[in-house]
């Protein structure tokens, strides 16, 4: 009985469409509920630090003196807590995923007037 059931299932699957997509040949489609990465519209950020305090994994750091906002993408769990608490609504969840990395790093953003004086990415101290 078991081998008959296995043969029936194999025959049925041979004529069905595949359940997976042929990535990267077929580009992925991102829905509105896709969780990709946290994006910051740094020009509207007031550096209040609410997102830093709300983050459960401490992946966000805000420095008001340097007008910088940093995120550790390896620690972020895309829980949307920072997006919900932001009073200026400058944080959002972008549906595109970040590129794979081989080393842990912190992505730092500066206000446009500070951008010429400061580096964009800084390495995370181990």
PDB file of N, CA and C in Angstrom:
ATOM      1  N   UNK A   1       0.823  -1.203   0.000  1.00  0.00           N
ATOM      2  CA  UNK A   1       0.000   0.000   0.000  1.00  0.00           C
ATOM      3  C   UNK A   1       0.861   1.259   0.000  1.00  0.00           C
ATOM      4  N   UNK A   2       1.976   1.228   0.764  1.00  0.00           N
ATOM      5  CA  UNK A   2       2.839   2.401   0.870  1.00  0.00           C
ATOM      6  C   UNK A   2       3.495   2.763  -0.438  1.00  0.00           C
ATOM      7  N   UNK A   3       3.990   1.768  -1.183  1.00  0.00           N
ATOM      8  CA  UNK A   3       4.667   2.059  -2.449  1.00  0.00           C
ATOM      9  C   UNK A   3       3.665   2.556  -3.502  1.00  0.00           C
ATOM     10  N   UNK A   4       2.421   2.083  -3.453  1.00  0.00           N
ATOM     11  CA  UNK A   4       1.388   2.559  -4.374  1.00  0.00           C
ATOM     12  C   UNK A   4       1.086   4.039  -4.109  1.00  0.00           C
ATOM     13  N   UNK A   5       1.009   4.411  -2.829  1.00  0.00           N
ATOM     14  CA  UNK A   5       0.752   5.803  -2.458  1.00  0.00           C
ATOM     15  C   UNK A   5       1.913   6.696  -2.912  1.00  0.00           C
ATOM     16  N   UNK A   6       3.146   6.226  -2.753  1.00  0.00           N
ATOM     17  CA  UNK A   6       4.320   6.991  -3.165  1.00  0.00           C
ATOM     18  C   UNK A   6       4.350   7.166  -4.684  1.00  0.00           C
ATOM     19  N   UNK A   7       4.027   6.126  -5.418  1.00  0.00           N
ATOM     20  CA  UNK A   7       4.000   6.211  -6.881  1.00  0.00           C
ATOM     21  C   UNK A   7       2.917   7.172  -7.354  1.00  0.00           C
ATOM     22  N   UNK A   8       1.759   7.139  -6.716  1.00  0.00           N
ATOM     23  CA  UNK A   8       0.657   8.040  -7.070  1.00  0.00           C
ATOM     24  C   UNK A   8       1.055   9.491  -6.827  1.00  0.00           C
ATOM     25  N   UNK A   9       1.712   9.756  -5.671  1.00  0.00           N
ATOM     26  CA  UNK A   9       2.138  11.104  -5.333  1.00  0.00           C
ATOM     27  C   UNK A   9       3.221  11.585  -6.304  1.00  0.00           C
ATOM     28  N   UNK A  10       4.145  10.725  -6.679  1.00  0.00           N
ATOM     29  CA  UNK A  10       5.213  11.088  -7.616  1.00  0.00           C
ATOM     30  C   UNK A  10       4.643  11.404  -8.994  1.00  0.00           C
ATOM     31  N   UNK A  11       3.699  10.619  -9.442  1.00  0.00           N
ATOM     32  CA  UNK A  11       3.071  10.844 -10.741  1.00  0.00           C
ATOM     33  C   UNK A  11       2.298  12.160 -10.747  1.00  0.00           C
ATOM     34  N   UNK A  12       1.587  12.453  -9.667  1.00  0.00           N
ATOM     35  CA  UNK A  12       0.828  13.695  -9.551  1.00  0.00           C
ATOM     36  C   UNK A  12       1.771  14.903  -9.579  1.00  0.00           C
ATOM     37  N   UNK A  13       2.897  14.834  -8.867  1.00  0.00           N
ATOM     38  CA  UNK A  13       3.842  15.952  -8.815  1.00  0.00           C
ATOM     39  C   UNK A  13       4.590  16.142 -10.133  1.00  0.00           C
ATOM     40  N   UNK A  14       4.692  15.111 -10.932  1.00  0.00           N
ATOM     41  CA  UNK A  14       5.392  15.214 -12.211  1.00  0.00           C
ATOM     42  C   UNK A  14       4.655  16.130 -13.188  1.00  0.00           C
ATOM     43  N   UNK A  15       3.350  16.257 -13.054  1.00  0.00           N
ATOM     44  CA  UNK A  15       2.563  17.059 -13.993  1.00  0.00           C
ATOM     45  C   UNK A  15       2.085  18.390 -13.418  1.00  0.00           C
ATOM     46  N   UNK A  16       2.486  18.719 -12.193  1.00  0.00           N
ATOM     47  CA  UNK A  16       2.116  20.004 -11.588  1.00  0.00           C
ATOM     48  C   UNK A  16       3.164  21.061 -11.906  1.00  0.00           C
ATOM     49  N   UNK A  17       2.752  22.320 -11.762  1.00  0.00           N
ATOM     50  CA  UNK A  17       3.699  23.419 -11.870  1.00  0.00           C
ATOM     51  C   UNK A  17       4.612  23.382 -10.647  1.00  0.00           C
ATOM     52  N   UNK A  18       5.873  23.807 -10.775  1.00  0.00           N
ATOM     53  CA  UNK A  18       6.762  23.812  -9.616  1.00  0.00           C
ATOM     54  C   UNK A  18       6.273  24.796  -8.550  1.00  0.00           C
ATOM     55  N   UNK A  19       6.516  24.463  -7.308  1.00  0.00           N
ATOM     56  CA  UNK A  19       6.081  25.314  -6.203  1.00  0.00           C
ATOM     57  C   UNK A  19       7.034  26.472  -5.973  1.00  0.00           C
ATOM     58  N   UNK A  20       8.255  26.375  -6.479  1.00  0.00           N
ATOM     59  CA  UNK A  20       9.243  27.431  -6.281  1.00  0.00           C
ATOM     60  C   UNK A  20       9.461  28.213  -7.555  1.00  0.00           C
ATOM     61  N   UNK A  21      10.057  29.382  -7.434  1.00  0.00           N
ATOM     62  CA  UNK A  21      10.368  30.216  -8.586  1.00  0.00           C
ATOM     63  C   UNK A  21      11.845  30.061  -8.925  1.00  0.00           C
ATOM     64  N   UNK A  22      12.198  30.291 -10.155  1.00  0.00           N
ATOM     65  CA  UNK A  22      13.573  30.150 -10.619  1.00  0.00           C
ATOM     66  C   UNK A  22      14.349  31.449 -10.399  1.00  0.00           C
ATOM     67  N   UNK A  23      14.672  31.757  -9.130  1.00  0.00           N
ATOM     68  CA  UNK A  23      15.449  32.956  -8.809  1.00  0.00           C
ATOM     69  C   UNK A  23      16.902  32.704  -9.165  1.00  0.00           C
ATOM     70  N   UNK A  24      17.600  33.595  -9.776  1.00  0.00           N
ATOM     71  CA  UNK A  24      17.328  34.978 -10.138  1.00  0.00           C
ATOM     72  C   UNK A  24      16.746  35.170 -11.525  1.00  0.00           C
ATOM     73  N   UNK A  25      16.433  34.091 -12.233  1.00  0.00           N
ATOM     74  CA  UNK A  25      15.847  34.232 -13.567  1.00  0.00           C
ATOM     75  C   UNK A  25      14.503  34.951 -13.469  1.00  0.00           C
ATOM     76  N   UNK A  26      13.670  34.548 -12.520  1.00  0.00           N
ATOM     77  CA  UNK A  26      12.385  35.196 -12.275  1.00  0.00           C
ATOM     78  C   UNK A  26      12.568  36.134 -11.085  1.00  0.00           C
ATOM     79  N   UNK A  27      12.385  37.428 -11.309  1.00  0.00           N
ATOM     80  CA  UNK A  27      12.597  38.415 -10.250  1.00  0.00           C
ATOM     81  C   UNK A  27      11.544  38.252  -9.146  1.00  0.00           C
ATOM     82  N   UNK A  28      11.948  38.459  -7.887  1.00  0.00           N
ATOM     83  CA  UNK A  28      10.977  38.333  -6.798  1.00  0.00           C
ATOM     84  C   UNK A  28       9.990  39.496  -6.807  1.00  0.00           C
ATOM     85  N   UNK A  29       8.785  39.242  -6.352  1.00  0.00           N
ATOM     86  CA  UNK A  29       7.800  40.304  -6.213  1.00  0.00           C
ATOM     87  C   UNK A  29       7.633  40.587  -4.733  1.00  0.00           C
ATOM     88  N   UNK A  30       7.727  41.857  -4.366  1.00  0.00           N
ATOM     89  CA  UNK A  30       7.603  42.272  -2.982  1.00  0.00           C
ATOM     90  C   UNK A  30       6.207  42.819  -2.743  1.00  0.00           C
ATOM     91  N   UNK A  31       5.543  42.318  -1.736  1.00  0.00           N
ATOM     92  CA  UNK A  31       4.214  42.801  -1.388  1.00  0.00           C
ATOM     93  C   UNK A  31       4.339  43.912  -0.357  1.00  0.00           C
ATOM     94  N   UNK A  32       3.228  44.532  -0.008  1.00  0.00           N
ATOM     95  CA  UNK A  32       3.254  45.597   0.994  1.00  0.00           C
ATOM     96  C   UNK A  32       3.591  45.047   2.379  1.00  0.00           C
ATOM     97  N   UNK A  33       3.419  43.746   2.583  1.00  0.00           N
ATOM     98  CA  UNK A  33       3.727  43.133   3.877  1.00  0.00           C
ATOM     99  C   UNK A  33       5.129  42.523   3.923  1.00  0.00           C
ATOM    100  N   UNK A  34       5.893  42.674   2.847  1.00  0.00           N
ATOM    101  CA  UNK A  34       7.256  42.147   2.831  1.00  0.00           C
ATOM    102  C   UNK A  34       8.118  42.951   3.800  1.00  0.00           C
ATOM    103  N   UNK A  35       8.922  42.243   4.553  1.00  0.00           N
ATOM    104  CA  UNK A  35       9.837  42.911   5.475  1.00  0.00           C
ATOM    105  C   UNK A  35      11.231  42.839   4.885  1.00  0.00           C
ATOM    106  N   UNK A  36      11.715  43.952   4.400  1.00  0.00           N
ATOM    107  CA  UNK A  36      13.038  43.995   3.804  1.00  0.00           C
ATOM    108  C   UNK A  36      14.054  44.599   4.741  1.00  0.00           C
ATOM    109  N   UNK A  37      14.046  45.916   4.856  1.00  0.00           N
ATOM    110  CA  UNK A  37      14.962  46.599   5.770  1.00  0.00           C
ATOM    111  C   UNK A  37      14.378  47.946   6.185  1.00  0.00           C
ATOM    112  N   UNK A  38      14.862  48.448   7.307  1.00  0.00           N
ATOM    113  CA  UNK A  38      14.415  49.743   7.818  1.00  0.00           C
ATOM    114  C   UNK A  38      15.129  50.830   7.030  1.00  0.00           C
ATOM    115  N   UNK A  39      14.359  51.776   6.521  1.00  0.00           N
ATOM    116  CA  UNK A  39      14.908  52.907   5.772  1.00  0.00           C
ATOM    117  C   UNK A  39      14.625  54.185   6.542  1.00  0.00           C
ATOM    118  N   UNK A  40      15.550  55.118   6.486  1.00  0.00           N
ATOM    119  CA  UNK A  40      15.403  56.383   7.198  1.00  0.00           C
ATOM    120  C   UNK A  40      15.503  57.535   6.214  1.00  0.00           C
ATOM    121  N   UNK A  41      14.488  58.396   6.212  1.00  0.00           N
ATOM    122  CA  UNK A  41      14.535  59.638   5.453  1.00  0.00           C
ATOM    123  C   UNK A  41      15.272  60.625   6.347  1.00  0.00           C
ATOM    124  N   UNK A  42      16.588  60.620   6.260  1.00  0.00           N
ATOM    125  CA  UNK A  42      17.446  61.338   7.207  1.00  0.00           C
ATOM    126  C   UNK A  42      17.211  62.845   7.195  1.00  0.00           C
ATOM    127  N   UNK A  43      16.707  63.378   6.105  1.00  0.00           N
ATOM    128  CA  UNK A  43      16.461  64.821   6.034  1.00  0.00           C
ATOM    129  C   UNK A  43      15.340  65.251   6.977  1.00  0.00           C
ATOM    130  N   UNK A  44      14.390  64.364   7.272  1.00  0.00           N
ATOM    131  CA  UNK A  44      13.286  64.698   8.171  1.00  0.00           C
ATOM    132  C   UNK A  44      13.515  64.250   9.608  1.00  0.00           C
ATOM    133  N   UNK A  45      14.586  63.517   9.850  1.00  0.00           N
ATOM    134  CA  UNK A  45      14.855  62.980  11.188  1.00  0.00           C
ATOM    135  C   UNK A  45      15.229  64.113  12.146  1.00  0.00           C
ATOM    136  N   UNK A  46      14.659  64.080  13.352  1.00  0.00           N
ATOM    137  CA  UNK A  46      14.968  65.086  14.373  1.00  0.00           C
ATOM    138  C   UNK A  46      15.890  64.527  15.452  1.00  0.00           C
ATOM    139  N   UNK A  47      16.331  63.283  15.303  1.00  0.00           N
ATOM    140  CA  UNK A  47      17.275  62.625  16.198  1.00  0.00           C
ATOM    141  C   UNK A  47      16.794  62.642  17.646  1.00  0.00           C
ATOM    142  N   UNK A  48      15.524  62.308  17.831  1.00  0.00           N
ATOM    143  CA  UNK A  48      14.931  62.304  19.168  1.00  0.00           C
ATOM    144  C   UNK A  48      15.357  61.082  19.984  1.00  0.00           C
ATOM    145  N   UNK A  49      15.727  59.990  19.308  1.00  0.00           N
ATOM    146  CA  UNK A  49      16.189  58.795  19.994  1.00  0.00           C
ATOM    147  C   UNK A  49      15.096  57.832  20.413  1.00  0.00           C
ATOM    148  N   UNK A  50      13.844  58.107  20.067  1.00  0.00           N
ATOM    149  CA  UNK A  50      12.763  57.190  20.429  1.00  0.00           C
ATOM    150  C   UNK A  50      12.934  55.827  19.760  1.00  0.00           C
ATOM    151  N   UNK A  51      13.391  55.822  18.527  1.00  0.00           N
ATOM    152  CA  UNK A  51      13.600  54.550  17.829  1.00  0.00           C
ATOM    153  C   UNK A  51      14.692  53.733  18.513  1.00  0.00           C
ATOM    154  N   UNK A  52      15.717  54.392  18.995  1.00  0.00           N
ATOM    155  CA  UNK A  52      16.805  53.710  19.692  1.00  0.00           C
ATOM    156  C   UNK A  52      16.316  53.076  20.990  1.00  0.00           C
ATOM    157  N   UNK A  53      15.494  53.807  21.733  1.00  0.00           N
ATOM    158  CA  UNK A  53      14.975  53.281  22.997  1.00  0.00           C
ATOM    159  C   UNK A  53      13.959  52.167  22.785  1.00  0.00           C
ATOM    160  N   UNK A  54      13.211  52.191  21.688  1.00  0.00           N
ATOM    161  CA  UNK A  54      12.175  51.199  21.438  1.00  0.00           C
ATOM    162  C   UNK A  54      12.733  49.904  20.831  1.00  0.00           C
ATOM    163  N   UNK A  55      13.896  49.957  20.206  1.00  0.00           N
ATOM    164  CA  UNK A  55      14.458  48.786  19.523  1.00  0.00           C
ATOM    165  C   UNK A  55      14.784  47.678  20.529  1.00  0.00           C
ATOM    166  N   UNK A  56      14.161  46.488  20.387  1.00  0.00           N
ATOM    167  CA  UNK A  56      14.388  45.410  21.361  1.00  0.00           C
ATOM    168  C   UNK A  56      15.775  44.781  21.276  1.00  0.00           C
ATOM    169  N   UNK A  57      16.454  44.915  20.142  1.00  0.00           N
ATOM    170  CA  UNK A  57      17.780  44.310  19.984  1.00  0.00           C
ATOM    171  C   UNK A  57      18.902  45.331  20.043  1.00  0.00           C
ATOM    172  N   UNK A  58      18.568  46.588  20.288  1.00  0.00           N
ATOM    173  CA  UNK A  58      19.546  47.685  20.358  1.00  0.00           C
ATOM    174  C   UNK A  58      20.344  47.799  19.064  1.00  0.00           C
ATOM    175  N   UNK A  59      19.671  47.643  17.944  1.00  0.00           N
ATOM    176  CA  UNK A  59      20.321  47.712  16.643  1.00  0.00           C
ATOM    177  C   UNK A  59      20.471  49.147  16.148  1.00  0.00           C
ATOM    178  N   UNK A  60      19.746  50.090  16.752  1.00  0.00           N
ATOM    179  CA  UNK A  60      19.763  51.483  16.302  1.00  0.00           C
ATOM    180  C   UNK A  60      20.500  52.334  17.325  1.00  0.00           C
ATOM    181  N   UNK A  61      21.324  53.245  16.822  1.00  0.00           N
ATOM    182  CA  UNK A  61      21.956  54.225  17.704  1.00  0.00           C
ATOM    183  C   UNK A  61      21.811  55.608  17.078  1.00  0.00           C
ATOM    184  N   UNK A  62      21.452  56.561  17.911  1.00  0.00           N
ATOM    185  CA  UNK A  62      21.217  57.933  17.466  1.00  0.00           C
ATOM    186  C   UNK A  62      22.172  58.848  18.224  1.00  0.00           C
ATOM    187  N   UNK A  63      22.854  59.726  17.493  1.00  0.00           N
ATOM    188  CA  UNK A  63      23.749  60.705  18.104  1.00  0.00           C
ATOM    189  C   UNK A  63      23.281  62.085  17.678  1.00  0.00           C
ATOM    190  N   UNK A  64      22.655  62.791  18.608  1.00  0.00           N
ATOM    191  CA  UNK A  64      22.079  64.101  18.290  1.00  0.00           C
ATOM    192  C   UNK A  64      23.169  65.138  18.028  1.00  0.00           C
ATOM    193  N   UNK A  65      24.297  65.045  18.753  1.00  0.00           N
ATOM    194  CA  UNK A  65      25.377  66.019  18.569  1.00  0.00           C
ATOM    195  C   UNK A  65      25.992  65.935  17.174  1.00  0.00           C
ATOM    196  N   UNK A  66      26.184  64.717  16.680  1.00  0.00           N
ATOM    197  CA  UNK A  66      26.757  64.529  15.348  1.00  0.00           C
ATOM    198  C   UNK A  66      25.685  64.485  14.266  1.00  0.00           C
ATOM    199  N   UNK A  67      24.430  64.566  14.637  1.00  0.00           N
ATOM    200  CA  UNK A  67      23.274  64.399  13.746  1.00  0.00           C
ATOM    201  C   UNK A  67      23.463  63.146  12.874  1.00  0.00           C
ATOM    202  N   UNK A  68      23.660  62.030  13.573  1.00  0.00           N
ATOM    203  CA  UNK A  68      23.841  60.760  12.869  1.00  0.00           C
ATOM    204  C   UNK A  68      22.858  59.724  13.395  1.00  0.00           C
ATOM    205  N   UNK A  69      22.491  58.817  12.518  1.00  0.00           N
ATOM    206  CA  UNK A  69      21.586  57.710  12.828  1.00  0.00           C
ATOM    207  C   UNK A  69      22.224  56.461  12.263  1.00  0.00           C
ATOM    208  N   UNK A  70      22.406  55.430  13.094  1.00  0.00           N
ATOM    209  CA  UNK A  70      23.093  54.219  12.648  1.00  0.00           C
ATOM    210  C   UNK A  70      22.249  52.996  12.959  1.00  0.00           C
ATOM    211  N   UNK A  71      22.387  51.981  12.111  1.00  0.00           N
ATOM    212  CA  UNK A  71      21.672  50.729  12.312  1.00  0.00           C
ATOM    213  C   UNK A  71      22.601  49.560  12.019  1.00  0.00           C
ATOM    214  N   UNK A  72      22.541  48.572  12.890  1.00  0.00           N
ATOM    215  CA  UNK A  72      23.271  47.324  12.700  1.00  0.00           C
ATOM    216  C   UNK A  72      22.300  46.347  12.050  1.00  0.00           C
ATOM    217  N   UNK A  73      22.452  46.136  10.753  1.00  0.00           N
ATOM    218  CA  UNK A  73      21.505  45.305   9.995  1.00  0.00           C
ATOM    219  C   UNK A  73      21.517  43.852  10.459  1.00  0.00           C
ATOM    220  N   UNK A  74      22.637  43.372  11.015  1.00  0.00           N
ATOM    221  CA  UNK A  74      22.695  41.999  11.498  1.00  0.00           C
ATOM    222  C   UNK A  74      21.875  41.812  12.770  1.00  0.00           C
ATOM    223  N   UNK A  75      21.719  42.867  13.567  1.00  0.00           N
ATOM    224  CA  UNK A  75      20.965  42.769  14.818  1.00  0.00           C
ATOM    225  C   UNK A  75      19.481  43.078  14.634  1.00  0.00           C
ATOM    226  N   UNK A  76      19.143  43.832  13.599  1.00  0.00           N
ATOM    227  CA  UNK A  76      17.750  44.232  13.370  1.00  0.00           C
ATOM    228  C   UNK A  76      16.884  43.010  13.037  1.00  0.00           C
ATOM    229  N   UNK A  77      15.733  42.910  13.704  1.00  0.00           N
ATOM    230  CA  UNK A  77      14.822  41.788  13.459  1.00  0.00           C
ATOM    231  C   UNK A  77      13.568  42.218  12.706  1.00  0.00           C
ATOM    232  N   UNK A  78      13.555  43.411  12.158  1.00  0.00           N
ATOM    233  CA  UNK A  78      12.444  43.950  11.358  1.00  0.00           C
ATOM    234  C   UNK A  78      11.100  43.843  12.074  1.00  0.00           C
ATOM    235  N   UNK A  79      11.068  44.238  13.345  1.00  0.00           N
ATOM    236  CA  UNK A  79       9.843  44.124  14.140  1.00  0.00           C
ATOM    237  C   UNK A  79       8.921  45.335  13.957  1.00  0.00           C
ATOM    238  N   UNK A  80       9.403  46.389  13.313  1.00  0.00           N
ATOM    239  CA  UNK A  80       8.653  47.620  13.033  1.00  0.00           C
ATOM    240  C   UNK A  80       8.395  48.485  14.269  1.00  0.00           C
ATOM    241  N   UNK A  81       8.979  48.182  15.402  1.00  0.00           N
ATOM    242  CA  UNK A  81       8.777  49.004  16.594  1.00  0.00           C
ATOM    243  C   UNK A  81       9.288  50.423  16.376  1.00  0.00           C
ATOM    244  N   UNK A  82      10.435  50.556  15.734  1.00  0.00           N
ATOM    245  CA  UNK A  82      10.999  51.882  15.487  1.00  0.00           C
ATOM    246  C   UNK A  82      10.147  52.669  14.490  1.00  0.00           C
ATOM    247  N   UNK A  83       9.600  51.978  13.506  1.00  0.00           N
ATOM    248  CA  UNK A  83       8.775  52.642  12.485  1.00  0.00           C
ATOM    249  C   UNK A  83       7.500  53.183  13.118  1.00  0.00           C
ATOM    250  N   UNK A  84       6.901  52.403  14.006  1.00  0.00           N
ATOM    251  CA  UNK A  84       5.644  52.824  14.644  1.00  0.00           C
ATOM    252  C   UNK A  84       5.839  53.998  15.594  1.00  0.00           C
ATOM    253  N   UNK A  85       6.984  54.075  16.288  1.00  0.00           N
ATOM    254  CA  UNK A  85       7.178  55.086  17.332  1.00  0.00           C
ATOM    255  C   UNK A  85       7.703  56.412  16.776  1.00  0.00           C
ATOM    256  N   UNK A  86       8.234  56.433  15.581  1.00  0.00           N
ATOM    257  CA  UNK A  86       8.857  57.646  15.030  1.00  0.00           C
ATOM    258  C   UNK A  86       7.844  58.788  14.922  1.00  0.00           C
ATOM    259  N   UNK A  87       8.082  59.919  15.627  1.00  0.00           N
ATOM    260  CA  UNK A  87       7.112  61.017  15.602  1.00  0.00           C
ATOM    261  C   UNK A  87       7.072  61.766  14.267  1.00  0.00           C
ATOM    262  N   UNK A  88       8.161  61.781  13.517  1.00  0.00           N
ATOM    263  CA  UNK A  88       8.214  62.476  12.232  1.00  0.00           C
ATOM    264  C   UNK A  88       7.901  61.555  11.050  1.00  0.00           C
ATOM    265  N   UNK A  89       7.689  60.261  11.330  1.00  0.00           N
ATOM    266  CA  UNK A  89       7.392  59.258  10.302  1.00  0.00           C
ATOM    267  C   UNK A  89       8.473  59.224   9.215  1.00  0.00           C
ATOM    268  N   UNK A  90       9.726  59.430   9.630  1.00  0.00           N
ATOM    269  CA  UNK A  90      10.818  59.359   8.662  1.00  0.00           C
ATOM    270  C   UNK A  90      11.355  57.938   8.519  1.00  0.00           C
ATOM    271  N   UNK A  91      10.993  57.039   9.433  1.00  0.00           N
ATOM    272  CA  UNK A  91      11.386  55.634   9.314  1.00  0.00           C
ATOM    273  C   UNK A  91      10.301  54.864   8.587  1.00  0.00           C
ATOM    274  N   UNK A  92      10.720  53.959   7.725  1.00  0.00           N
ATOM    275  CA  UNK A  92       9.777  53.116   6.988  1.00  0.00           C
ATOM    276  C   UNK A  92      10.416  51.757   6.758  1.00  0.00           C
ATOM    277  N   UNK A  93       9.597  50.808   6.359  1.00  0.00           N
ATOM    278  CA  UNK A  93      10.097  49.473   6.047  1.00  0.00           C
ATOM    279  C   UNK A  93      10.128  49.338   4.530  1.00  0.00           C
ATOM    280  N   UNK A  94      11.325  49.345   3.966  1.00  0.00           N
ATOM    281  CA  UNK A  94      11.488  49.182   2.520  1.00  0.00           C
ATOM    282  C   UNK A  94      11.385  47.703   2.183  1.00  0.00           C
ATOM    283  N   UNK A  95      10.665  47.339   1.130  1.00  0.00           N
ATOM    284  CA  UNK A  95      10.467  45.919   0.829  1.00  0.00           C
ATOM    285  C   UNK A  95      11.704  45.230   0.266  1.00  0.00           C
ATOM    286  N   UNK A  96      12.694  45.970  -0.235  1.00  0.00           N
ATOM    287  CA  UNK A  96      13.887  45.335  -0.786  1.00  0.00           C
ATOM    288  C   UNK A  96      14.804  44.897   0.355  1.00  0.00           C
ATOM    289  N   UNK A  97      15.398  43.739   0.182  1.00  0.00           N
ATOM    290  CA  UNK A  97      16.327  43.231   1.182  1.00  0.00           C
ATOM    291  C   UNK A  97      17.704  43.837   0.962  1.00  0.00           C
ATOM    292  N   UNK A  98      18.488  43.921   2.032  1.00  0.00           N
ATOM    293  CA  UNK A  98      19.853  44.425   1.907  1.00  0.00           C
ATOM    294  C   UNK A  98      20.725  43.358   1.264  1.00  0.00           C
ATOM    295  N   UNK A  99      21.809  43.793   0.671  1.00  0.00           N
ATOM    296  CA  UNK A  99      22.721  42.857   0.020  1.00  0.00           C
ATOM    297  C   UNK A  99      23.429  42.005   1.072  1.00  0.00           C
ATOM    298  N   UNK A 100      23.744  40.775   0.748  1.00  0.00           N
ATOM    299  CA  UNK A 100      24.448  39.920   1.703  1.00  0.00           C
ATOM    300  C   UNK A 100      25.830  40.495   2.009  1.00  0.00           C
ATOM    301  N   UNK A 101      26.280  40.273   3.231  1.00  0.00           N
ATOM    302  CA  UNK A 101      27.590  40.763   3.653  1.00  0.00           C
ATOM    303  C   UNK A 101      28.349  39.647   4.342  1.00  0.00           C
ATOM    304  N   UNK A 102      29.659  39.732   4.275  1.00  0.00           N
ATOM    305  CA  UNK A 102      30.491  38.726   4.919  1.00  0.00           C
ATOM    306  C   UNK A 102      31.007  39.191   6.268  1.00  0.00           C
ATOM    307  N   UNK A 103      30.912  40.497   6.530  1.00  0.00           N
ATOM    308  CA  UNK A 103      31.378  41.055   7.796  1.00  0.00           C
ATOM    309  C   UNK A 103      30.275  41.892   8.415  1.00  0.00           C
ATOM    310  N   UNK A 104      30.237  41.895   9.747  1.00  0.00           N
ATOM    311  CA  UNK A 104      29.277  42.725  10.453  1.00  0.00           C
ATOM    312  C   UNK A 104      29.736  44.175  10.378  1.00  0.00           C
ATOM    313  N   UNK A 105      28.785  45.055  10.093  1.00  0.00           N
ATOM    314  CA  UNK A 105      29.092  46.482  10.041  1.00  0.00           C
ATOM    315  C   UNK A 105      27.857  47.269  10.430  1.00  0.00           C
ATOM    316  N   UNK A 106      28.089  48.503  10.794  1.00  0.00           N
ATOM    317  CA  UNK A 106      27.001  49.401  11.147  1.00  0.00           C
ATOM    318  C   UNK A 106      26.860  50.421  10.028  1.00  0.00           C
ATOM    319  N   UNK A 107      25.645  50.570   9.535  1.00  0.00           N
ATOM    320  CA  UNK A 107      25.374  51.539   8.476  1.00  0.00           C
ATOM    321  C   UNK A 107      24.983  52.856   9.144  1.00  0.00           C
ATOM    322  N   UNK A 108      25.750  53.907   8.881  1.00  0.00           N
ATOM    323  CA  UNK A 108      25.544  55.192   9.523  1.00  0.00           C
ATOM    324  C   UNK A 108      25.102  56.221   8.498  1.00  0.00           C
ATOM    325  N   UNK A 109      24.090  57.004   8.859  1.00  0.00           N
ATOM    326  CA  UNK A 109      23.573  58.071   8.003  1.00  0.00           C
ATOM    327  C   UNK A 109      23.753  59.400   8.726  1.00  0.00           C
ATOM    328  N   UNK A 110      24.105  60.443   7.976  1.00  0.00           N
ATOM    329  CA  UNK A 110      24.293  61.778   8.522  1.00  0.00           C
ATOM    330  C   UNK A 110      23.359  62.748   7.827  1.00  0.00           C
ATOM    331  N   UNK A 111      23.032  63.828   8.504  1.00  0.00           N
ATOM    332  CA  UNK A 111      22.256  64.898   7.875  1.00  0.00           C
ATOM    333  C   UNK A 111      23.019  65.376   6.645  1.00  0.00           C
ATOM    334  N   UNK A 112      22.339  65.865   5.608  1.00  0.00           N
ATOM    335  CA  UNK A 112      23.023  66.276   4.375  1.00  0.00           C
ATOM    336  C   UNK A 112      24.157  67.284   4.588  1.00  0.00           C
ATOM    337  N   UNK A 113      24.010  68.225   5.501  1.00  0.00           N
ATOM    338  CA  UNK A 113      25.086  69.188   5.728  1.00  0.00           C
ATOM    339  C   UNK A 113      26.282  68.543   6.422  1.00  0.00           C
ATOM    340  N   UNK A 114      26.079  67.400   7.088  1.00  0.00           N
ATOM    341  CA  UNK A 114      27.152  66.682   7.747  1.00  0.00           C
ATOM    342  C   UNK A 114      27.771  65.622   6.840  1.00  0.00           C
ATOM    343  N   UNK A 115      27.124  65.315   5.739  1.00  0.00           N
ATOM    344  CA  UNK A 115      27.548  64.195   4.894  1.00  0.00           C
ATOM    345  C   UNK A 115      28.933  64.407   4.290  1.00  0.00           C
ATOM    346  N   UNK A 116      29.299  65.630   3.964  1.00  0.00           N
ATOM    347  CA  UNK A 116      30.592  65.884   3.346  1.00  0.00           C
ATOM    348  C   UNK A 116      31.735  65.710   4.342  1.00  0.00           C
ATOM    349  N   UNK A 117      31.467  65.885   5.633  1.00  0.00           N
ATOM    350  CA  UNK A 117      32.518  65.816   6.638  1.00  0.00           C
ATOM    351  C   UNK A 117      32.683  64.431   7.239  1.00  0.00           C
ATOM    352  N   UNK A 118      31.706  63.530   7.105  1.00  0.00           N
ATOM    353  CA  UNK A 118      31.722  62.269   7.823  1.00  0.00           C
ATOM    354  C   UNK A 118      31.596  61.088   6.872  1.00  0.00           C
ATOM    355  N   UNK A 119      32.160  59.922   7.258  1.00  0.00           N
ATOM    356  CA  UNK A 119      32.010  58.729   6.416  1.00  0.00           C
ATOM    357  C   UNK A 119      30.597  58.182   6.483  1.00  0.00           C
ATOM    358  N   UNK A 120      30.195  57.462   5.426  1.00  0.00           N
ATOM    359  CA  UNK A 120      28.847  56.905   5.373  1.00  0.00           C
ATOM    360  C   UNK A 120      28.754  55.611   6.163  1.00  0.00           C
ATOM    361  N   UNK A 121      29.714  54.710   5.994  1.00  0.00           N
ATOM    362  CA  UNK A 121      29.691  53.420   6.680  1.00  0.00           C
ATOM    363  C   UNK A 121      30.863  53.335   7.648  1.00  0.00           C
ATOM    364  N   UNK A 122      30.609  52.828   8.824  1.00  0.00           N
ATOM    365  CA  UNK A 122      31.674  52.593   9.792  1.00  0.00           C
ATOM    366  C   UNK A 122      31.637  51.146  10.206  1.00  0.00           C
ATOM    367  N   UNK A 123      32.792  50.591  10.465  1.00  0.00           N
ATOM    368  CA  UNK A 123      32.871  49.201  10.884  1.00  0.00           C
ATOM    369  C   UNK A 123      32.405  49.059  12.314  1.00  0.00           C
ATOM    370  N   UNK A 124      31.774  47.956  12.593  1.00  0.00           N
ATOM    371  CA  UNK A 124      31.304  47.677  13.944  1.00  0.00           C
ATOM    372  C   UNK A 124      32.450  47.121  14.764  1.00  0.00           C
ATOM    373  N   UNK A 125      32.730  47.702  15.931  1.00  0.00           N
ATOM    374  CA  UNK A 125      33.799  47.154  16.759  1.00  0.00           C
ATOM    375  C   UNK A 125      33.388  45.797  17.350  1.00  0.00           C
ATOM    376  N   UNK A 126      34.287  44.855  17.299  1.00  0.00           N
ATOM    377  CA  UNK A 126      34.013  43.516  17.831  1.00  0.00           C
ATOM    378  C   UNK A 126      34.454  43.420  19.266  1.00  0.00           C
TER     379      UNK A 126
END
